[in-house]
Amino acid sequence: MKLHNVTFILLVVGGLNWLAVGLFNWDISAVLGGPASLVSKAVYVLVGLSAVYEVVAHKENCKACTSAPSV
């Protein structure tokens, strides 16, 4: 699996977590042992690093950005 696919999946997980927090006041970290647990912190760090990677590598991975003519 390419790094782009992994980071995209992690960003979706992070986005759905924020949706659950906003709508239901439920954080996935509660299932992973609480916000202070090592597993929760690792997930948060991986989601954050995925966002940084996608921001940096977006242009080369995005079909819409590479196929659209430059203005």
PDB file of N, CA and C in Angstrom:
ATOM      1  N   MET A   1       0.857  -1.186   0.000  1.00  0.00           N
ATOM      2  CA  MET A   1       0.000   0.000   0.000  1.00  0.00           C
ATOM      3  C   MET A   1       0.894   1.238   0.000  1.00  0.00           C
ATOM      4  N   LYS A   2       0.572   2.153  -0.857  1.00  0.00           N
ATOM      5  CA  LYS A   2       1.378   3.361  -0.963  1.00  0.00           C
ATOM      6  C   LYS A   2       1.159   4.279   0.241  1.00  0.00           C
ATOM      7  N   LEU A   3       2.175   5.071   0.533  1.00  0.00           N
ATOM      8  CA  LEU A   3       2.109   5.990   1.669  1.00  0.00           C
ATOM      9  C   LEU A   3       0.920   6.936   1.543  1.00  0.00           C
ATOM     10  N   HIS A   4       0.632   7.371   0.333  1.00  0.00           N
ATOM     11  CA  HIS A   4      -0.504   8.267   0.117  1.00  0.00           C
ATOM     12  C   HIS A   4      -1.812   7.613   0.570  1.00  0.00           C
ATOM     13  N   ASN A   5      -1.996   6.344   0.267  1.00  0.00           N
ATOM     14  CA  ASN A   5      -3.214   5.644   0.669  1.00  0.00           C
ATOM     15  C   ASN A   5      -3.325   5.544   2.187  1.00  0.00           C
ATOM     16  N   VAL A   6      -2.215   5.250   2.841  1.00  0.00           N
ATOM     17  CA  VAL A   6      -2.214   5.138   4.302  1.00  0.00           C
ATOM     18  C   VAL A   6      -2.540   6.490   4.932  1.00  0.00           C
ATOM     19  N   THR A   7      -1.903   7.544   4.449  1.00  0.00           N
ATOM     20  CA  THR A   7      -2.162   8.863   5.027  1.00  0.00           C
ATOM     21  C   THR A   7      -3.590   9.309   4.763  1.00  0.00           C
ATOM     22  N   PHE A   8      -4.115   8.974   3.594  1.00  0.00           N
ATOM     23  CA  PHE A   8      -5.502   9.329   3.288  1.00  0.00           C
ATOM     24  C   PHE A   8      -6.461   8.625   4.243  1.00  0.00           C
ATOM     25  N   ILE A   9      -6.241   7.350   4.492  1.00  0.00           N
ATOM     26  CA  ILE A   9      -7.096   6.602   5.430  1.00  0.00           C
ATOM     27  C   ILE A   9      -7.014   7.202   6.830  1.00  0.00           C
ATOM     28  N   LEU A  10      -5.817   7.541   7.261  1.00  0.00           N
ATOM     29  CA  LEU A  10      -5.664   8.154   8.590  1.00  0.00           C
ATOM     30  C   LEU A  10      -6.371   9.502   8.664  1.00  0.00           C
ATOM     31  N   LEU A  11      -6.337  10.277   7.592  1.00  0.00           N
ATOM     32  CA  LEU A  11      -7.037  11.559   7.588  1.00  0.00           C
ATOM     33  C   LEU A  11      -8.547  11.366   7.633  1.00  0.00           C
ATOM     34  N   VAL A  12      -9.046  10.350   6.981  1.00  0.00           N
ATOM     35  CA  VAL A  12     -10.480  10.041   7.047  1.00  0.00           C
ATOM     36  C   VAL A  12     -10.860   9.642   8.472  1.00  0.00           C
ATOM     37  N   VAL A  13     -10.045   8.807   9.098  1.00  0.00           N
ATOM     38  CA  VAL A  13     -10.298   8.414  10.492  1.00  0.00           C
ATOM     39  C   VAL A  13     -10.309   9.652  11.389  1.00  0.00           C
ATOM     40  N   GLY A  14      -9.336  10.539  11.196  1.00  0.00           N
ATOM     41  CA  GLY A  14      -9.283  11.761  11.994  1.00  0.00           C
ATOM     42  C   GLY A  14     -10.487  12.658  11.755  1.00  0.00           C
ATOM     43  N   GLY A  15     -10.897  12.774  10.501  1.00  0.00           N
ATOM     44  CA  GLY A  15     -12.067  13.592  10.188  1.00  0.00           C
ATOM     45  C   GLY A  15     -13.343  13.027  10.771  1.00  0.00           C
ATOM     46  N   LEU A  16     -13.506  11.712  10.694  1.00  0.00           N
ATOM     47  CA  LEU A  16     -14.687  11.089  11.294  1.00  0.00           C
ATOM     48  C   LEU A  16     -14.680  11.220  12.810  1.00  0.00           C
ATOM     49  N   ASN A  17     -13.497  11.184  13.402  1.00  0.00           N
ATOM     50  CA  ASN A  17     -13.400  11.399  14.844  1.00  0.00           C
ATOM     51  C   ASN A  17     -13.878  12.803  15.212  1.00  0.00           C
ATOM     52  N   TRP A  18     -13.438  13.805  14.456  1.00  0.00           N
ATOM     53  CA  TRP A  18     -13.883  15.173  14.738  1.00  0.00           C
ATOM     54  C   TRP A  18     -15.390  15.319  14.512  1.00  0.00           C
ATOM     55  N   LEU A  19     -15.932  14.632  13.532  1.00  0.00           N
ATOM     56  CA  LEU A  19     -17.376  14.641  13.313  1.00  0.00           C
ATOM     57  C   LEU A  19     -18.100  14.057  14.528  1.00  0.00           C
ATOM     58  N   ALA A  20     -17.602  12.938  15.028  1.00  0.00           N
ATOM     59  CA  ALA A  20     -18.214  12.307  16.208  1.00  0.00           C
ATOM     60  C   ALA A  20     -18.112  13.204  17.437  1.00  0.00           C
ATOM     61  N   VAL A  21     -16.988  13.896  17.583  1.00  0.00           N
ATOM     62  CA  VAL A  21     -16.833  14.829  18.710  1.00  0.00           C
ATOM     63  C   VAL A  21     -17.826  15.980  18.580  1.00  0.00           C
ATOM     64  N   GLY A  22     -17.943  16.526  17.387  1.00  0.00           N
ATOM     65  CA  GLY A  22     -18.832  17.665  17.173  1.00  0.00           C
ATOM     66  C   GLY A  22     -20.305  17.328  17.313  1.00  0.00           C
ATOM     67  N   LEU A  23     -20.708  16.176  16.799  1.00  0.00           N
ATOM     68  CA  LEU A  23     -22.127  15.828  16.827  1.00  0.00           C
ATOM     69  C   LEU A  23     -22.562  15.130  18.115  1.00  0.00           C
ATOM     70  N   PHE A  24     -21.713  14.248  18.622  1.00  0.00           N
ATOM     71  CA  PHE A  24     -22.122  13.387  19.728  1.00  0.00           C
ATOM     72  C   PHE A  24     -21.289  13.549  20.987  1.00  0.00           C
ATOM     73  N   ASN A  25     -20.289  14.434  20.956  1.00  0.00           N
ATOM     74  CA  ASN A  25     -19.376  14.629  22.076  1.00  0.00           C
ATOM     75  C   ASN A  25     -18.716  13.307  22.467  1.00  0.00           C
ATOM     76  N   TRP A  26     -18.373  12.501  21.448  1.00  0.00           N
ATOM     77  CA  TRP A  26     -17.744  11.197  21.647  1.00  0.00           C
ATOM     78  C   TRP A  26     -16.422  11.169  20.899  1.00  0.00           C
ATOM     79  N   ASP A  27     -15.357  10.848  21.607  1.00  0.00           N
ATOM     80  CA  ASP A  27     -14.017  10.824  21.038  1.00  0.00           C
ATOM     81  C   ASP A  27     -13.550   9.376  20.937  1.00  0.00           C
ATOM     82  N   ILE A  28     -12.966   9.013  19.802  1.00  0.00           N
ATOM     83  CA  ILE A  28     -12.499   7.645  19.612  1.00  0.00           C
ATOM     84  C   ILE A  28     -11.435   7.263  20.639  1.00  0.00           C
ATOM     85  N   SER A  29     -10.779   8.227  21.227  1.00  0.00           N
ATOM     86  CA  SER A  29      -9.755   7.918  22.225  1.00  0.00           C
ATOM     87  C   SER A  29     -10.353   7.231  23.450  1.00  0.00           C
ATOM     88  N   ALA A  30     -11.669   7.413  23.676  1.00  0.00           N
ATOM     89  CA  ALA A  30     -12.322   6.718  24.786  1.00  0.00           C
ATOM     90  C   ALA A  30     -12.256   5.206  24.576  1.00  0.00           C
ATOM     91  N   VAL A  31     -12.352   4.761  23.330  1.00  0.00           N
ATOM     92  CA  VAL A  31     -12.275   3.330  23.021  1.00  0.00           C
ATOM     93  C   VAL A  31     -10.834   2.833  23.102  1.00  0.00           C
ATOM     94  N   LEU A  32      -9.903   3.714  22.815  1.00  0.00           N
ATOM     95  CA  LEU A  32      -8.488   3.337  22.771  1.00  0.00           C
ATOM     96  C   LEU A  32      -7.780   3.483  24.114  1.00  0.00           C
ATOM     97  N   GLY A  33      -8.517   3.702  25.169  1.00  0.00           N
ATOM     98  CA  GLY A  33      -7.910   3.769  26.497  1.00  0.00           C
ATOM     99  C   GLY A  33      -7.861   5.159  27.093  1.00  0.00           C
ATOM    100  N   GLY A  34      -8.567   6.104  26.511  1.00  0.00           N
ATOM    101  CA  GLY A  34      -8.580   7.474  27.030  1.00  0.00           C
ATOM    102  C   GLY A  34      -7.574   8.344  26.315  1.00  0.00           C
ATOM    103  N   PRO A  35      -7.770   9.656  26.410  1.00  0.00           N
ATOM    104  CA  PRO A  35      -6.910  10.582  25.658  1.00  0.00           C
ATOM    105  C   PRO A  35      -5.450  10.569  26.098  1.00  0.00           C
ATOM    106  N   ALA A  36      -5.167  10.109  27.309  1.00  0.00           N
ATOM    107  CA  ALA A  36      -3.786  10.100  27.787  1.00  0.00           C
ATOM    108  C   ALA A  36      -3.068   8.789  27.488  1.00  0.00           C
ATOM    109  N   SER A  37      -3.774   7.808  26.906  1.00  0.00           N
ATOM    110  CA  SER A  37      -3.133   6.512  26.655  1.00  0.00           C
ATOM    111  C   SER A  37      -2.138   6.624  25.507  1.00  0.00           C
ATOM    112  N   LEU A  38      -1.175   5.736  25.539  1.00  0.00           N
ATOM    113  CA  LEU A  38      -0.135   5.730  24.513  1.00  0.00           C
ATOM    114  C   LEU A  38      -0.720   5.447  23.127  1.00  0.00           C
ATOM    115  N   VAL A  39      -1.711   4.559  23.060  1.00  0.00           N
ATOM    116  CA  VAL A  39      -2.336   4.226  21.767  1.00  0.00           C
ATOM    117  C   VAL A  39      -3.036   5.456  21.187  1.00  0.00           C
ATOM    118  N   SER A  40      -3.805   6.164  22.008  1.00  0.00           N
ATOM    119  CA  SER A  40      -4.503   7.363  21.538  1.00  0.00           C
ATOM    120  C   SER A  40      -3.520   8.416  21.061  1.00  0.00           C
ATOM    121  N   LYS A  41      -2.470   8.629  21.826  1.00  0.00           N
ATOM    122  CA  LYS A  41      -1.476   9.622  21.423  1.00  0.00           C
ATOM    123  C   LYS A  41      -0.802   9.226  20.119  1.00  0.00           C
ATOM    124  N   ALA A  42      -0.536   7.930  19.944  1.00  0.00           N
ATOM    125  CA  ALA A  42       0.085   7.470  18.705  1.00  0.00           C
ATOM    126  C   ALA A  42      -0.846   7.710  17.518  1.00  0.00           C
ATOM    127  N   VAL A  43      -2.132   7.443  17.686  1.00  0.00           N
ATOM    128  CA  VAL A  43      -3.092   7.686  16.608  1.00  0.00           C
ATOM    129  C   VAL A  43      -3.146   9.171  16.282  1.00  0.00           C
ATOM    130  N   TYR A  44      -3.213  10.026  17.297  1.00  0.00           N
ATOM    131  CA  TYR A  44      -3.249  11.465  17.061  1.00  0.00           C
ATOM    132  C   TYR A  44      -1.993  11.944  16.335  1.00  0.00           C
ATOM    133  N   VAL A  45      -0.830  11.442  16.721  1.00  0.00           N
ATOM    134  CA  VAL A  45       0.420  11.835  16.066  1.00  0.00           C
ATOM    135  C   VAL A  45       0.429  11.358  14.619  1.00  0.00           C
ATOM    136  N   LEU A  46      -0.014  10.130  14.373  1.00  0.00           N
ATOM    137  CA  LEU A  46      -0.043   9.616  13.001  1.00  0.00           C
ATOM    138  C   LEU A  46      -1.012  10.393  12.123  1.00  0.00           C
ATOM    139  N   VAL A  47      -2.159  10.766  12.656  1.00  0.00           N
ATOM    140  CA  VAL A  47      -3.116  11.573  11.890  1.00  0.00           C
ATOM    141  C   VAL A  47      -2.511  12.943  11.590  1.00  0.00           C
ATOM    142  N   GLY A  48      -1.860  13.553  12.557  1.00  0.00           N
ATOM    143  CA  GLY A  48      -1.219  14.854  12.345  1.00  0.00           C
ATOM    144  C   GLY A  48      -0.101  14.786  11.317  1.00  0.00           C
ATOM    145  N   LEU A  49       0.739  13.762  11.411  1.00  0.00           N
ATOM    146  CA  LEU A  49       1.808  13.598  10.427  1.00  0.00           C
ATOM    147  C   LEU A  49       1.242  13.317   9.036  1.00  0.00           C
ATOM    148  N   SER A  50       0.124  12.608   8.979  1.00  0.00           N
ATOM    149  CA  SER A  50      -0.530  12.361   7.695  1.00  0.00           C
ATOM    150  C   SER A  50      -0.995  13.657   7.062  1.00  0.00           C
ATOM    151  N   ALA A  51      -1.533  14.552   7.873  1.00  0.00           N
ATOM    152  CA  ALA A  51      -1.980  15.850   7.358  1.00  0.00           C
ATOM    153  C   ALA A  51      -0.798  16.640   6.808  1.00  0.00           C
ATOM    154  N   VAL A  52       0.315  16.636   7.527  1.00  0.00           N
ATOM    155  CA  VAL A  52       1.506  17.348   7.058  1.00  0.00           C
ATOM    156  C   VAL A  52       1.983  16.746   5.738  1.00  0.00           C
ATOM    157  N   TYR A  53       2.036  15.431   5.663  1.00  0.00           N
ATOM    158  CA  TYR A  53       2.459  14.761   4.434  1.00  0.00           C
ATOM    159  C   TYR A  53       1.544  15.118   3.269  1.00  0.00           C
ATOM    160  N   GLU A  54       0.251  15.077   3.480  1.00  0.00           N
ATOM    161  CA  GLU A  54      -0.696  15.370   2.401  1.00  0.00           C
ATOM    162  C   GLU A  54      -0.589  16.823   1.942  1.00  0.00           C
ATOM    163  N   VAL A  55      -0.345  17.738   2.856  1.00  0.00           N
ATOM    164  CA  VAL A  55      -0.173  19.142   2.472  1.00  0.00           C
ATOM    165  C   VAL A  55       1.063  19.289   1.582  1.00  0.00           C
ATOM    166  N   VAL A  56       2.140  18.615   1.957  1.00  0.00           N
ATOM    167  CA  VAL A  56       3.391  18.728   1.200  1.00  0.00           C
ATOM    168  C   VAL A  56       3.301  17.994  -0.142  1.00  0.00           C
ATOM    169  N   ALA A  57       2.709  16.805  -0.152  1.00  0.00           N
ATOM    170  CA  ALA A  57       2.720  15.965  -1.349  1.00  0.00           C
ATOM    171  C   ALA A  57       1.429  16.049  -2.162  1.00  0.00           C
ATOM    172  N   HIS A  58       0.529  16.928  -1.805  1.00  0.00           N
ATOM    173  CA  HIS A  58      -0.772  16.986  -2.452  1.00  0.00           C
ATOM    174  C   HIS A  58      -0.684  17.169  -3.963  1.00  0.00           C
ATOM    175  N   LYS A  59       0.090  18.096  -4.397  1.00  0.00           N
ATOM    176  CA  LYS A  59       0.144  18.448  -5.816  1.00  0.00           C
ATOM    177  C   LYS A  59       0.546  17.256  -6.687  1.00  0.00           C
ATOM    178  N   GLU A  60       1.486  16.449  -6.222  1.00  0.00           N
ATOM    179  CA  GLU A  60       1.936  15.318  -7.043  1.00  0.00           C
ATOM    180  C   GLU A  60       0.978  14.128  -6.977  1.00  0.00           C
ATOM    181  N   ASN A  61       0.155  14.051  -5.949  1.00  0.00           N
ATOM    182  CA  ASN A  61      -0.764  12.916  -5.790  1.00  0.00           C
ATOM    183  C   ASN A  61      -2.178  13.200  -6.293  1.00  0.00           C
ATOM    184  N   CYS A  62      -2.524  14.453  -6.479  1.00  0.00           N
ATOM    185  CA  CYS A  62      -3.905  14.825  -6.821  1.00  0.00           C
ATOM    186  C   CYS A  62      -4.102  14.794  -8.339  1.00  0.00           C
ATOM    187  N   LYS A  63      -4.986  13.917  -8.791  1.00  0.00           N
ATOM    188  CA  LYS A  63      -5.270  13.831 -10.221  1.00  0.00           C
ATOM    189  C   LYS A  63      -5.940  15.099 -10.740  1.00  0.00           C
ATOM    190  N   ALA A  64      -6.783  15.702  -9.919  1.00  0.00           N
ATOM    191  CA  ALA A  64      -7.468  16.916 -10.337  1.00  0.00           C
ATOM    192  C   ALA A  64      -6.471  18.069 -10.498  1.00  0.00           C
ATOM    193  N   CYS A  65      -5.473  18.121  -9.647  1.00  0.00           N
ATOM    194  CA  CYS A  65      -4.487  19.206  -9.735  1.00  0.00           C
ATOM    195  C   CYS A  65      -3.524  19.021 -10.899  1.00  0.00           C
ATOM    196  N   THR A  66      -3.198  17.785 -11.200  1.00  0.00           N
ATOM    197  CA  THR A  66      -2.218  17.549 -12.273  1.00  0.00           C
ATOM    198  C   THR A  66      -2.852  17.531 -13.653  1.00  0.00           C
ATOM    199  N   SER A  67      -4.163  17.241 -13.748  1.00  0.00           N
ATOM    200  CA  SER A  67      -4.798  17.190 -15.054  1.00  0.00           C
ATOM    201  C   SER A  67      -5.413  18.516 -15.482  1.00  0.00           C
ATOM    202  N   ALA A  68      -5.631  19.417 -14.547  1.00  0.00           N
ATOM    203  CA  ALA A  68      -6.246  20.702 -14.881  1.00  0.00           C
ATOM    204  C   ALA A  68      -5.205  21.604 -15.545  1.00  0.00           C
ATOM    205  N   PRO A  69      -5.603  22.333 -16.561  1.00  0.00           N
ATOM    206  CA  PRO A  69      -4.652  23.255 -17.192  1.00  0.00           C
ATOM    207  C   PRO A  69      -4.310  24.402 -16.253  1.00  0.00           C
ATOM    208  N   SER A  70      -3.084  24.860 -16.337  1.00  0.00           N
ATOM    209  CA  SER A  70      -2.629  25.971 -15.497  1.00  0.00           C
ATOM    210  C   SER A  70      -3.259  27.272 -15.979  1.00  0.00           C
ATOM    211  N   VAL A  71      -3.574  28.139 -15.032  1.00  0.00           N
ATOM    212  CA  VAL A  71      -4.171  29.430 -15.369  1.00  0.00           C
ATOM    213  C   VAL A  71      -3.136  30.500 -15.288  1.00  0.00           C
TER     214      VAL A  71
END
